[in-house]
Amino acid sequence: MSLYKRKDSSVWWLKVTVNGQMIQRSTGTTDKANAQEYHDKLKSDLWEQSRLGVKPRRYWWEAVGRWLQETSDKRTHSGDIAKLRWLDTYLSNSTLNEITLSKVDLIKSAKLAEASKSTVNRYLALLRSILIKARDDWEWIDKVPKIKLYAEPRGRERALTREEAARLLQELPEHQRDTVTFALMSGLRQANVLGLEWSWINFSMQYLCIPAEKSKNNSPITVHLTASMLAILKKQIGKHPSRVFSYQGKPIAAANTRAWKNARIRAGIENFRWHDLRHTWATWHRQAGTPTHELQRLGAWKTTAMVERYAHIAPDALKGATGRLENFMSGYDLATVSQKEKSPTSL
């Protein structure tokens, strides 16, 4: 019998043989009529592939399996699995060719009913990535629907003024003051500051290097240490054998503590998170005249997109660039006038 039920499953399973090849597979449904339709379609597809040379119709679950295998080292691998489980509700028995724009719109609407547009975008981006991979790398399909993401609001741009930073540092307990000051000087993310290890620091060469596996972008991060940064680090020597920043003999595990919140309140600082220390660092760099390409390298951003959000902070740099063109044009005009004065007015 082509359709059957297993003792350990409530759904129908199928068994088909094409050109001597037997395939057993779950239909994914408890409805026998739907299972029969799925069986007939699969059998027809397999016949077309073997007899007519038609490109095999690949299923969503096949693409998911290969995607997860090839991206097992991604930092977001577990998050991808959770998203794919949700997407499986709508795509489990679909072939890749059946994932049309109308089906994508259905998924889009369903997710939007329970999550924000930013969250919906993460699901759509994953779906789109798998389909593009299936088209370009695996050559399983010939085209991909144009999946458009929702427009998202720009990221936060909250930065401390120097006066605000001074007030905050004054209110923080000493161990937190050191971590916050180091964050403001280095621009490192919270996880990299709190997780900083002695083995990553070269005091003689005055730099530290965070390993690729510990960075957000999977690339090593090198920070050249100033005299003030070195002083903060040397102050921590002897407090913990492996971790730089500690409190009462234990590594500091969290930054968003009650002491941090109370210090912010006493300093009169509102709408500010620990991660905004990195925004503050980048803002201060731009105000000091650090160009975009240098800031990108200092902040270990892979693209300029995240750096461009600070471009408006340093208008004087653009003013200088405009001035250079004006000087060039003025020099050209003077040279032209000078040449005209020397030439005869008539033959």
C-alpha atoms as a PDB file:
ATOM      1  CA  MET A   1       0.000   0.000   0.000  1.00  0.00           C
ATOM      2  CA  SER A   2       1.383   3.431  -0.984  1.00  0.00           C
ATOM      3  CA  LEU A   3      -0.104   5.228   2.043  1.00  0.00           C
ATOM      4  CA  TYR A   4       0.180   3.872   5.553  1.00  0.00           C
ATOM      5  CA  LYS A   5       0.381   4.893   9.200  1.00  0.00           C
ATOM      6  CA  ARG A   6       3.170   4.045  11.592  1.00  0.00           C
ATOM      7  CA  LYS A   7       2.549   3.034  15.167  1.00  0.00           C
ATOM      8  CA  ASP A   8       4.548   5.984  16.482  1.00  0.00           C
ATOM      9  CA  SER A   9       2.910   8.647  14.280  1.00  0.00           C
ATOM     10  CA  SER A  10      -0.575  10.027  13.683  1.00  0.00           C
ATOM     11  CA  VAL A  11       0.241  11.364  10.193  1.00  0.00           C
ATOM     12  CA  TRP A  12       0.130   9.425   6.953  1.00  0.00           C
ATOM     13  CA  TRP A  13       3.351   8.126   5.428  1.00  0.00           C
ATOM     14  CA  LEU A  14       3.945   7.235   1.790  1.00  0.00           C
ATOM     15  CA  LYS A  15       5.961   4.691  -0.122  1.00  0.00           C
ATOM     16  CA  VAL A  16       6.611   5.115  -3.840  1.00  0.00           C
ATOM     17  CA  THR A  17       8.967   3.380  -6.268  1.00  0.00           C
ATOM     18  CA  VAL A  18      10.269   5.090  -9.403  1.00  0.00           C
ATOM     19  CA  ASN A  19      12.846   3.373 -11.667  1.00  0.00           C
ATOM     20  CA  GLY A  20      13.607   0.862  -8.959  1.00  0.00           C
ATOM     21  CA  GLN A  21      14.197   3.549  -6.334  1.00  0.00           C
ATOM     22  CA  MET A  22      11.927   3.314  -3.299  1.00  0.00           C
ATOM     23  CA  ILE A  23      11.146   6.451  -1.300  1.00  0.00           C
ATOM     24  CA  GLN A  24       9.501   6.474   2.111  1.00  0.00           C
ATOM     25  CA  ARG A  25       8.465   9.813   3.578  1.00  0.00           C
ATOM     26  CA  SER A  26       6.012  11.464   5.938  1.00  0.00           C
ATOM     27  CA  THR A  27       3.241  13.400   4.201  1.00  0.00           C
ATOM     28  CA  GLY A  28       2.987  15.722   7.186  1.00  0.00           C
ATOM     29  CA  THR A  29      -0.804  15.448   7.385  1.00  0.00           C
ATOM     30  CA  THR A  30      -3.368  13.348   9.226  1.00  0.00           C
ATOM     31  CA  ASP A  31      -5.926  13.883   6.441  1.00  0.00           C
ATOM     32  CA  LYS A  32      -5.893  10.922   4.060  1.00  0.00           C
ATOM     33  CA  ALA A  33      -7.170  12.903   1.060  1.00  0.00           C
ATOM     34  CA  ASN A  34      -4.411  15.488   1.470  1.00  0.00           C
ATOM     35  CA  ALA A  35      -1.886  12.720   1.965  1.00  0.00           C
ATOM     36  CA  GLN A  36      -3.035  11.037  -1.252  1.00  0.00           C
ATOM     37  CA  GLU A  37      -2.718  14.319  -3.153  1.00  0.00           C
ATOM     38  CA  TYR A  38       0.778  14.781  -1.814  1.00  0.00           C
ATOM     39  CA  HIS A  39       1.640  11.186  -2.794  1.00  0.00           C
ATOM     40  CA  ASP A  40       0.357  11.571  -6.366  1.00  0.00           C
ATOM     41  CA  LYS A  41       2.175  14.867  -6.861  1.00  0.00           C
ATOM     42  CA  LEU A  42       5.456  13.468  -5.574  1.00  0.00           C
ATOM     43  CA  LYS A  43       5.179  10.421  -7.796  1.00  0.00           C
ATOM     44  CA  SER A  44       4.475  12.588 -10.833  1.00  0.00           C
ATOM     45  CA  ASP A  45       7.431  14.826 -10.052  1.00  0.00           C
ATOM     46  CA  LEU A  46       9.778  11.883  -9.683  1.00  0.00           C
ATOM     47  CA  TRP A  47       8.596  10.432 -13.007  1.00  0.00           C
ATOM     48  CA  GLU A  48       9.187  13.755 -14.805  1.00  0.00           C
ATOM     49  CA  GLN A  49      12.670  13.957 -13.361  1.00  0.00           C
ATOM     50  CA  SER A  50      13.665  10.449 -14.371  1.00  0.00           C
ATOM     51  CA  ARG A  51      11.991  10.240 -17.805  1.00  0.00           C
ATOM     52  CA  LEU A  52      11.923  13.820 -19.061  1.00  0.00           C
ATOM     53  CA  GLY A  53      15.098  15.195 -17.500  1.00  0.00           C
ATOM     54  CA  VAL A  54      13.188  17.884 -15.596  1.00  0.00           C
ATOM     55  CA  LYS A  55      15.157  19.543 -12.783  1.00  0.00           C
ATOM     56  CA  PRO A  56      14.181  17.838  -9.513  1.00  0.00           C
ATOM     57  CA  ARG A  57      11.632  19.688  -7.444  1.00  0.00           C
ATOM     58  CA  ARG A  58      13.249  20.345  -4.120  1.00  0.00           C
ATOM     59  CA  TYR A  59      11.247  20.730  -0.946  1.00  0.00           C
ATOM     60  CA  TRP A  60      11.529  23.372   1.721  1.00  0.00           C
ATOM     61  CA  TRP A  61      12.549  20.807   4.317  1.00  0.00           C
ATOM     62  CA  GLU A  62      15.427  19.727   2.089  1.00  0.00           C
ATOM     63  CA  ALA A  63      16.662  23.307   1.822  1.00  0.00           C
ATOM     64  CA  VAL A  64      16.352  23.790   5.585  1.00  0.00           C
ATOM     65  CA  GLY A  65      18.384  20.667   6.268  1.00  0.00           C
ATOM     66  CA  ARG A  66      21.177  21.716   3.938  1.00  0.00           C
ATOM     67  CA  TRP A  67      21.132  25.318   5.202  1.00  0.00           C
ATOM     68  CA  LEU A  68      21.470  24.247   8.832  1.00  0.00           C
ATOM     69  CA  GLN A  69      24.286  21.891   7.951  1.00  0.00           C
ATOM     70  CA  GLU A  70      26.239  24.523   6.026  1.00  0.00           C
ATOM     71  CA  THR A  71      25.682  27.303   8.603  1.00  0.00           C
ATOM     72  CA  SER A  72      26.215  25.289  11.773  1.00  0.00           C
ATOM     73  CA  ASP A  73      29.042  27.626  12.830  1.00  0.00           C
ATOM     74  CA  LYS A  74      26.876  30.764  12.681  1.00  0.00           C
ATOM     75  CA  ARG A  75      26.567  32.669  15.945  1.00  0.00           C
ATOM     76  CA  THR A  76      22.811  32.857  15.316  1.00  0.00           C
ATOM     77  CA  HIS A  77      22.449  29.137  14.541  1.00  0.00           C
ATOM     78  CA  SER A  78      20.117  28.401  17.474  1.00  0.00           C
ATOM     79  CA  GLY A  79      18.055  31.473  16.600  1.00  0.00           C
ATOM     80  CA  ASP A  80      17.768  30.280  13.003  1.00  0.00           C
ATOM     81  CA  ILE A  81      16.465  26.917  14.204  1.00  0.00           C
ATOM     82  CA  ALA A  82      13.734  28.608  16.247  1.00  0.00           C
ATOM     83  CA  LYS A  83      12.680  30.759  13.284  1.00  0.00           C
ATOM     84  CA  LEU A  84      12.674  27.798  10.907  1.00  0.00           C
ATOM     85  CA  ARG A  85      10.433  25.825  13.232  1.00  0.00           C
ATOM     86  CA  TRP A  86       7.906  28.617  13.047  1.00  0.00           C
ATOM     87  CA  LEU A  87       8.239  28.906   9.253  1.00  0.00           C
ATOM     88  CA  ASP A  88       7.761  25.149   8.931  1.00  0.00           C
ATOM     89  CA  THR A  89       4.098  25.640   9.883  1.00  0.00           C
ATOM     90  CA  TYR A  90       3.551  27.338   6.521  1.00  0.00           C
ATOM     91  CA  LEU A  91       6.203  25.725   4.335  1.00  0.00           C
ATOM     92  CA  SER A  92       6.743  22.154   5.568  1.00  0.00           C
ATOM     93  CA  ASN A  93       5.435  20.335   2.467  1.00  0.00           C
ATOM     94  CA  SER A  94       6.013  23.085  -0.076  1.00  0.00           C
ATOM     95  CA  THR A  95       8.455  22.737  -2.913  1.00  0.00           C
ATOM     96  CA  LEU A  96      10.787  25.694  -3.355  1.00  0.00           C
ATOM     97  CA  ASN A  97       8.987  26.587  -6.582  1.00  0.00           C
ATOM     98  CA  GLU A  98       5.717  26.825  -4.656  1.00  0.00           C
ATOM     99  CA  ILE A  99       7.075  29.527  -2.348  1.00  0.00           C
ATOM    100  CA  THR A 100       5.562  32.406  -4.259  1.00  0.00           C
ATOM    101  CA  LEU A 101       5.096  36.025  -3.299  1.00  0.00           C
ATOM    102  CA  SER A 102       1.522  35.341  -2.219  1.00  0.00           C
ATOM    103  CA  LYS A 103       2.719  32.648   0.197  1.00  0.00           C
ATOM    104  CA  VAL A 104       5.393  35.001   1.503  1.00  0.00           C
ATOM    105  CA  ASP A 105       2.748  37.681   2.065  1.00  0.00           C
ATOM    106  CA  LEU A 106       0.711  35.165   4.067  1.00  0.00           C
ATOM    107  CA  ILE A 107       3.727  34.425   6.270  1.00  0.00           C
ATOM    108  CA  LYS A 108       4.416  38.133   6.587  1.00  0.00           C
ATOM    109  CA  SER A 109       0.891  38.889   7.792  1.00  0.00           C
ATOM    110  CA  ALA A 110       0.819  35.951  10.191  1.00  0.00           C
ATOM    111  CA  LYS A 111       4.058  36.960  11.887  1.00  0.00           C
ATOM    112  CA  LEU A 112       3.121  40.623  12.012  1.00  0.00           C
ATOM    113  CA  ALA A 113       0.019  39.685  14.006  1.00  0.00           C
ATOM    114  CA  GLU A 114       2.248  38.491  16.849  1.00  0.00           C
ATOM    115  CA  ALA A 115       5.487  40.453  16.521  1.00  0.00           C
ATOM    116  CA  SER A 116       7.006  43.791  15.519  1.00  0.00           C
ATOM    117  CA  LYS A 117       8.047  44.694  11.986  1.00  0.00           C
ATOM    118  CA  SER A 118      11.693  44.374  12.971  1.00  0.00           C
ATOM    119  CA  THR A 119      11.078  40.803  14.132  1.00  0.00           C
ATOM    120  CA  VAL A 120       9.127  39.987  10.963  1.00  0.00           C
ATOM    121  CA  ASN A 121      12.108  41.225   8.959  1.00  0.00           C
ATOM    122  CA  ARG A 122      14.409  38.722  10.685  1.00  0.00           C
ATOM    123  CA  TYR A 123      12.145  35.850   9.581  1.00  0.00           C
ATOM    124  CA  LEU A 124      11.780  37.163   6.043  1.00  0.00           C
ATOM    125  CA  ALA A 125      15.518  37.736   5.734  1.00  0.00           C
ATOM    126  CA  LEU A 126      16.201  34.135   6.741  1.00  0.00           C
ATOM    127  CA  LEU A 127      13.635  32.826   4.253  1.00  0.00           C
ATOM    128  CA  ARG A 128      15.103  34.998   1.513  1.00  0.00           C
ATOM    129  CA  SER A 129      18.661  33.894   2.294  1.00  0.00           C
ATOM    130  CA  ILE A 130      17.753  30.221   1.993  1.00  0.00           C
ATOM    131  CA  LEU A 131      15.935  30.733  -1.301  1.00  0.00           C
ATOM    132  CA  ILE A 132      18.826  32.735  -2.756  1.00  0.00           C
ATOM    133  CA  LYS A 133      21.238  30.039  -1.633  1.00  0.00           C
ATOM    134  CA  ALA A 134      19.059  27.424  -3.329  1.00  0.00           C
ATOM    135  CA  ARG A 135      19.090  29.439  -6.546  1.00  0.00           C
ATOM    136  CA  ASP A 136      22.685  30.686  -6.731  1.00  0.00           C
ATOM    137  CA  ASP A 137      24.749  28.047  -4.934  1.00  0.00           C
ATOM    138  CA  TRP A 138      22.791  24.816  -5.072  1.00  0.00           C
ATOM    139  CA  GLU A 139      21.053  25.492  -8.431  1.00  0.00           C
ATOM    140  CA  TRP A 140      17.862  23.911  -7.182  1.00  0.00           C
ATOM    141  CA  ILE A 141      15.578  26.657  -8.525  1.00  0.00           C
ATOM    142  CA  ASP A 142      15.768  29.246 -11.261  1.00  0.00           C
ATOM    143  CA  LYS A 143      14.097  32.238  -9.619  1.00  0.00           C
ATOM    144  CA  VAL A 144      13.262  33.678  -6.226  1.00  0.00           C
ATOM    145  CA  PRO A 145      10.321  35.929  -5.321  1.00  0.00           C
ATOM    146  CA  LYS A 146      11.256  39.512  -4.535  1.00  0.00           C
ATOM    147  CA  ILE A 147      10.819  39.565  -0.776  1.00  0.00           C
ATOM    148  CA  LYS A 148      10.634  43.124   0.521  1.00  0.00           C
ATOM    149  CA  LEU A 149      11.316  43.861   4.162  1.00  0.00           C
ATOM    150  CA  TYR A 150       9.542  46.464   6.253  1.00  0.00           C
ATOM    151  CA  ALA A 151      11.252  49.810   6.702  1.00  0.00           C
ATOM    152  CA  GLU A 152      12.755  49.943  10.179  1.00  0.00           C
ATOM    153  CA  PRO A 153      13.375  52.984  12.351  1.00  0.00           C
ATOM    154  CA  ARG A 154      16.946  54.208  12.567  1.00  0.00           C
ATOM    155  CA  GLY A 155      18.987  52.921  15.465  1.00  0.00           C
ATOM    156  CA  ARG A 156      19.325  54.823  18.689  1.00  0.00           C
ATOM    157  CA  GLU A 157      21.724  57.750  18.644  1.00  0.00           C
ATOM    158  CA  ARG A 158      21.780  58.605  22.347  1.00  0.00           C
ATOM    159  CA  ALA A 159      25.185  59.856  23.397  1.00  0.00           C
ATOM    160  CA  LEU A 160      26.425  61.492  26.570  1.00  0.00           C
ATOM    161  CA  THR A 161      27.847  64.966  26.636  1.00  0.00           C
ATOM    162  CA  ARG A 162      31.163  65.287  28.438  1.00  0.00           C
ATOM    163  CA  GLU A 163      29.362  66.946  31.342  1.00  0.00           C
ATOM    164  CA  GLU A 164      26.869  64.071  31.582  1.00  0.00           C
ATOM    165  CA  ALA A 165      29.679  61.518  31.445  1.00  0.00           C
ATOM    166  CA  ALA A 166      31.518  63.278  34.266  1.00  0.00           C
ATOM    167  CA  ARG A 167      28.394  63.262  36.442  1.00  0.00           C
ATOM    168  CA  LEU A 168      27.725  59.582  35.735  1.00  0.00           C
ATOM    169  CA  LEU A 169      31.295  58.509  36.493  1.00  0.00           C
ATOM    170  CA  GLN A 170      31.222  60.449  39.738  1.00  0.00           C
ATOM    171  CA  GLU A 171      28.106  58.569  40.902  1.00  0.00           C
ATOM    172  CA  LEU A 172      29.260  55.054  39.957  1.00  0.00           C
ATOM    173  CA  PRO A 173      30.985  52.723  42.442  1.00  0.00           C
ATOM    174  CA  GLU A 174      34.689  52.283  41.683  1.00  0.00           C
ATOM    175  CA  HIS A 175      34.522  48.895  39.932  1.00  0.00           C
ATOM    176  CA  GLN A 176      31.772  50.097  37.587  1.00  0.00           C
ATOM    177  CA  ARG A 177      33.502  53.430  37.053  1.00  0.00           C
ATOM    178  CA  ASP A 178      36.510  51.555  35.692  1.00  0.00           C
ATOM    179  CA  THR A 179      34.459  49.473  33.232  1.00  0.00           C
ATOM    180  CA  VAL A 180      32.449  52.468  32.032  1.00  0.00           C
ATOM    181  CA  THR A 181      35.544  54.622  31.597  1.00  0.00           C
ATOM    182  CA  PHE A 182      37.269  51.845  29.671  1.00  0.00           C
ATOM    183  CA  ALA A 183      34.196  51.438  27.451  1.00  0.00           C
ATOM    184  CA  LEU A 184      34.155  55.171  26.704  1.00  0.00           C
ATOM    185  CA  MET A 185      37.842  55.082  25.793  1.00  0.00           C
ATOM    186  CA  SER A 186      37.877  51.862  23.767  1.00  0.00           C
ATOM    187  CA  GLY A 187      34.441  51.764  22.123  1.00  0.00           C
ATOM    188  CA  LEU A 188      34.194  48.043  22.904  1.00  0.00           C
ATOM    189  CA  ARG A 189      30.822  46.402  23.311  1.00  0.00           C
ATOM    190  CA  GLN A 190      29.597  45.441  26.766  1.00  0.00           C
ATOM    191  CA  ALA A 191      30.344  41.736  26.335  1.00  0.00           C
ATOM    192  CA  ASN A 192      33.916  42.474  25.258  1.00  0.00           C
ATOM    193  CA  VAL A 193      34.590  44.873  28.130  1.00  0.00           C
ATOM    194  CA  LEU A 194      33.145  42.659  30.857  1.00  0.00           C
ATOM    195  CA  GLY A 195      34.606  39.501  29.302  1.00  0.00           C
ATOM    196  CA  LEU A 196      38.094  40.960  28.777  1.00  0.00           C
ATOM    197  CA  GLU A 197      40.844  38.456  29.635  1.00  0.00           C
ATOM    198  CA  TRP A 198      44.447  39.068  30.683  1.00  0.00           C
ATOM    199  CA  SER A 199      45.725  36.744  27.970  1.00  0.00           C
ATOM    200  CA  TRP A 200      44.405  39.120  25.301  1.00  0.00           C
ATOM    201  CA  ILE A 201      46.485  42.082  26.518  1.00  0.00           C
ATOM    202  CA  ASN A 202      50.031  42.875  25.447  1.00  0.00           C
ATOM    203  CA  PHE A 203      51.309  45.483  27.891  1.00  0.00           C
ATOM    204  CA  SER A 204      54.758  45.813  26.298  1.00  0.00           C
ATOM    205  CA  MET A 205      53.290  46.550  22.848  1.00  0.00           C
ATOM    206  CA  GLN A 206      50.371  48.481  24.390  1.00  0.00           C
ATOM    207  CA  TYR A 207      47.465  46.810  22.637  1.00  0.00           C
ATOM    208  CA  LEU A 208      44.797  44.191  23.228  1.00  0.00           C
ATOM    209  CA  CYS A 209      43.312  41.733  20.765  1.00  0.00           C
ATOM    210  CA  ILE A 210      39.914  40.125  21.243  1.00  0.00           C
ATOM    211  CA  PRO A 211      39.737  36.719  19.470  1.00  0.00           C
ATOM    212  CA  ALA A 212      37.402  36.352  16.496  1.00  0.00           C
ATOM    213  CA  GLU A 213      35.183  33.844  18.276  1.00  0.00           C
ATOM    214  CA  LYS A 214      34.509  36.398  21.009  1.00  0.00           C
ATOM    215  CA  SER A 215      33.571  39.257  18.690  1.00  0.00           C
ATOM    216  CA  LYS A 216      30.157  40.012  17.238  1.00  0.00           C
ATOM    217  CA  ASN A 217      31.441  40.043  13.649  1.00  0.00           C
ATOM    218  CA  ASN A 218      33.565  36.883  13.962  1.00  0.00           C
ATOM    219  CA  SER A 219      36.707  38.930  13.309  1.00  0.00           C
ATOM    220  CA  PRO A 220      39.493  39.732  15.775  1.00  0.00           C
ATOM    221  CA  ILE A 221      39.311  43.195  17.334  1.00  0.00           C
ATOM    222  CA  THR A 222      42.537  45.068  18.030  1.00  0.00           C
ATOM    223  CA  VAL A 223      42.544  48.074  20.357  1.00  0.00           C
ATOM    224  CA  HIS A 224      45.626  50.251  20.814  1.00  0.00           C
ATOM    225  CA  LEU A 225      45.904  51.239  24.466  1.00  0.00           C
ATOM    226  CA  THR A 226      46.394  54.827  25.567  1.00  0.00           C
ATOM    227  CA  ALA A 227      48.150  55.796  28.803  1.00  0.00           C
ATOM    228  CA  SER A 228      44.788  56.274  30.537  1.00  0.00           C
ATOM    229  CA  MET A 229      43.507  52.889  29.345  1.00  0.00           C
ATOM    230  CA  LEU A 230      46.713  51.194  30.497  1.00  0.00           C
ATOM    231  CA  ALA A 231      46.332  52.812  33.907  1.00  0.00           C
ATOM    232  CA  ILE A 232      42.822  51.368  34.289  1.00  0.00           C
ATOM    233  CA  LEU A 233      43.997  47.898  33.262  1.00  0.00           C
ATOM    234  CA  LYS A 234      47.040  47.902  35.565  1.00  0.00           C
ATOM    235  CA  LYS A 235      44.768  48.924  38.414  1.00  0.00           C
ATOM    236  CA  GLN A 236      42.953  45.573  38.023  1.00  0.00           C
ATOM    237  CA  ILE A 237      46.091  43.401  38.251  1.00  0.00           C
ATOM    238  CA  GLY A 238      45.918  40.819  41.016  1.00  0.00           C
ATOM    239  CA  LYS A 239      42.148  40.983  41.464  1.00  0.00           C
ATOM    240  CA  HIS A 240      41.346  37.917  39.313  1.00  0.00           C
ATOM    241  CA  PRO A 241      43.630  35.357  37.606  1.00  0.00           C
ATOM    242  CA  SER A 242      41.994  35.366  34.153  1.00  0.00           C
ATOM    243  CA  ARG A 243      39.415  38.141  33.860  1.00  0.00           C
ATOM    244  CA  VAL A 244      40.343  41.819  33.909  1.00  0.00           C
ATOM    245  CA  PHE A 245      37.255  43.385  35.451  1.00  0.00           C
ATOM    246  CA  SER A 246      36.022  41.789  38.642  1.00  0.00           C
ATOM    247  CA  TYR A 247      34.248  42.619  41.898  1.00  0.00           C
ATOM    248  CA  GLN A 248      35.027  40.997  45.219  1.00  0.00           C
ATOM    249  CA  GLY A 249      37.106  38.327  43.504  1.00  0.00           C
ATOM    250  CA  LYS A 250      34.487  37.349  40.907  1.00  0.00           C
ATOM    251  CA  PRO A 251      34.255  38.400  37.233  1.00  0.00           C
ATOM    252  CA  ILE A 252      31.670  41.102  36.600  1.00  0.00           C
ATOM    253  CA  ALA A 253      28.859  39.266  34.836  1.00  0.00           C
ATOM    254  CA  ALA A 254      26.328  42.063  34.254  1.00  0.00           C
ATOM    255  CA  ALA A 255      26.398  45.800  33.716  1.00  0.00           C
ATOM    256  CA  ASN A 256      22.719  46.706  33.988  1.00  0.00           C
ATOM    257  CA  THR A 257      22.670  46.407  37.777  1.00  0.00           C
ATOM    258  CA  ARG A 258      20.805  48.313  40.470  1.00  0.00           C
ATOM    259  CA  ALA A 259      23.966  50.317  41.189  1.00  0.00           C
ATOM    260  CA  TRP A 260      24.153  51.356  37.513  1.00  0.00           C
ATOM    261  CA  LYS A 261      20.499  52.399  37.439  1.00  0.00           C
ATOM    262  CA  ASN A 262      20.722  54.335  40.708  1.00  0.00           C
ATOM    263  CA  ALA A 263      23.877  56.121  39.558  1.00  0.00           C
ATOM    264  CA  ARG A 264      22.087  57.214  36.363  1.00  0.00           C
ATOM    265  CA  ILE A 265      19.194  58.558  38.401  1.00  0.00           C
ATOM    266  CA  ARG A 266      21.464  60.482  40.768  1.00  0.00           C
ATOM    267  CA  ALA A 267      23.378  61.898  37.790  1.00  0.00           C
ATOM    268  CA  GLY A 268      20.102  63.018  36.177  1.00  0.00           C
ATOM    269  CA  ILE A 269      20.708  60.973  33.027  1.00  0.00           C
ATOM    270  CA  GLU A 270      17.604  59.684  31.244  1.00  0.00           C
ATOM    271  CA  ASN A 271      17.011  57.425  28.238  1.00  0.00           C
ATOM    272  CA  PHE A 272      20.481  55.913  28.376  1.00  0.00           C
ATOM    273  CA  ARG A 273      21.617  52.270  28.206  1.00  0.00           C
ATOM    274  CA  TRP A 274      25.027  50.698  28.740  1.00  0.00           C
ATOM    275  CA  HIS A 275      25.346  50.028  24.995  1.00  0.00           C
ATOM    276  CA  ASP A 276      24.953  53.764  24.403  1.00  0.00           C
ATOM    277  CA  LEU A 277      28.479  54.141  25.779  1.00  0.00           C
ATOM    278  CA  ARG A 278      29.626  52.818  22.398  1.00  0.00           C
ATOM    279  CA  HIS A 279      27.463  55.421  20.645  1.00  0.00           C
ATOM    280  CA  THR A 280      29.020  58.048  22.892  1.00  0.00           C
ATOM    281  CA  TRP A 281      32.526  56.881  21.985  1.00  0.00           C
ATOM    282  CA  ALA A 282      31.735  57.031  18.250  1.00  0.00           C
ATOM    283  CA  THR A 283      30.067  60.436  18.596  1.00  0.00           C
ATOM    284  CA  TRP A 284      33.023  61.895  20.437  1.00  0.00           C
ATOM    285  CA  HIS A 285      35.367  60.528  17.769  1.00  0.00           C
ATOM    286  CA  ARG A 286      33.396  62.214  15.006  1.00  0.00           C
ATOM    287  CA  GLN A 287      33.266  65.466  16.956  1.00  0.00           C
ATOM    288  CA  ALA A 288      37.050  65.248  17.317  1.00  0.00           C
ATOM    289  CA  GLY A 289      37.369  64.936  13.528  1.00  0.00           C
ATOM    290  CA  THR A 290      37.982  61.186  13.116  1.00  0.00           C
ATOM    291  CA  PRO A 291      37.048  60.358   9.486  1.00  0.00           C
ATOM    292  CA  THR A 292      34.518  57.662   8.649  1.00  0.00           C
ATOM    293  CA  HIS A 293      36.983  55.098   7.313  1.00  0.00           C
ATOM    294  CA  GLU A 294      39.122  55.333  10.457  1.00  0.00           C
ATOM    295  CA  LEU A 295      36.115  55.139  12.759  1.00  0.00           C
ATOM    296  CA  GLN A 296      34.927  52.028  10.924  1.00  0.00           C
ATOM    297  CA  ARG A 297      38.220  50.275  11.608  1.00  0.00           C
ATOM    298  CA  LEU A 298      38.388  51.459  15.205  1.00  0.00           C
ATOM    299  CA  GLY A 299      34.848  50.240  15.883  1.00  0.00           C
ATOM    300  CA  ALA A 300      35.334  46.930  14.031  1.00  0.00           C
ATOM    301  CA  TRP A 301      32.286  47.513  11.828  1.00  0.00           C
ATOM    302  CA  LYS A 302      32.293  45.387   8.678  1.00  0.00           C
ATOM    303  CA  THR A 303      30.442  47.954   6.564  1.00  0.00           C
ATOM    304  CA  THR A 304      30.134  51.728   6.565  1.00  0.00           C
ATOM    305  CA  ALA A 305      26.349  51.590   7.089  1.00  0.00           C
ATOM    306  CA  MET A 306      26.639  51.682  10.889  1.00  0.00           C
ATOM    307  CA  VAL A 307      29.302  54.390  10.766  1.00  0.00           C
ATOM    308  CA  GLU A 308      27.370  56.707   8.455  1.00  0.00           C
ATOM    309  CA  ARG A 309      24.796  57.325  11.199  1.00  0.00           C
ATOM    310  CA  TYR A 310      27.438  59.539  12.845  1.00  0.00           C
ATOM    311  CA  ALA A 311      28.274  61.497   9.700  1.00  0.00           C
ATOM    312  CA  HIS A 312      25.999  64.430  10.566  1.00  0.00           C
ATOM    313  CA  ILE A 313      27.755  64.948  13.889  1.00  0.00           C
ATOM    314  CA  ALA A 314      30.888  66.403  12.327  1.00  0.00           C
ATOM    315  CA  PRO A 315      29.727  68.974   9.735  1.00  0.00           C
ATOM    316  CA  ASP A 316      33.018  70.850  10.056  1.00  0.00           C
ATOM    317  CA  ALA A 317      34.793  68.013   8.248  1.00  0.00           C
ATOM    318  CA  LEU A 318      32.449  68.459   5.264  1.00  0.00           C
ATOM    319  CA  LYS A 319      32.952  72.207   5.467  1.00  0.00           C
ATOM    320  CA  GLY A 320      36.691  71.615   5.141  1.00  0.00           C
ATOM    321  CA  ALA A 321      36.152  69.379   2.122  1.00  0.00           C
ATOM    322  CA  THR A 322      33.955  72.012   0.482  1.00  0.00           C
ATOM    323  CA  GLY A 323      36.605  74.609   1.226  1.00  0.00           C
ATOM    324  CA  ARG A 324      39.235  72.567  -0.571  1.00  0.00           C
ATOM    325  CA  LEU A 325      37.153  72.602  -3.760  1.00  0.00           C
ATOM    326  CA  GLU A 326      36.571  76.343  -3.425  1.00  0.00           C
ATOM    327  CA  ASN A 327      40.309  76.931  -3.087  1.00  0.00           C
ATOM    328  CA  PHE A 328      40.912  74.819  -6.162  1.00  0.00           C
ATOM    329  CA  MET A 329      38.318  76.718  -8.186  1.00  0.00           C
ATOM    330  CA  SER A 330      39.652  80.067  -7.004  1.00  0.00           C
ATOM    331  CA  GLY A 331      43.120  79.077  -8.092  1.00  0.00           C
ATOM    332  CA  TYR A 332      41.754  78.086 -11.493  1.00  0.00           C
ATOM    333  CA  ASP A 333      39.949  81.429 -11.912  1.00  0.00           C
ATOM    334  CA  LEU A 334      43.022  83.437 -10.971  1.00  0.00           C
ATOM    335  CA  ALA A 335      45.151  81.481 -13.403  1.00  0.00           C
ATOM    336  CA  THR A 336      42.611  82.031 -16.173  1.00  0.00           C
ATOM    337  CA  VAL A 337      42.400  85.765 -15.527  1.00  0.00           C
ATOM    338  CA  SER A 338      46.142  86.048 -15.420  1.00  0.00           C
ATOM    339  CA  GLN A 339      46.464  84.347 -18.795  1.00  0.00           C
ATOM    340  CA  LYS A 340      43.809  86.673 -20.318  1.00  0.00           C
ATOM    341  CA  GLU A 341      45.638  89.752 -19.136  1.00  0.00           C
ATOM    342  CA  LYS A 342      48.829  88.622 -20.843  1.00  0.00           C
ATOM    343  CA  SER A 343      47.134  87.766 -24.184  1.00  0.00           C
ATOM    344  CA  PRO A 344      46.620  90.436 -26.887  1.00  0.00           C
ATOM    345  CA  THR A 345      43.117  91.867 -27.056  1.00  0.00           C
ATOM    346  CA  SER A 346      43.099  91.800 -30.822  1.00  0.00           C
ATOM    347  CA  LEU A 347      45.046  90.559 -33.849  1.00  0.00           C
END
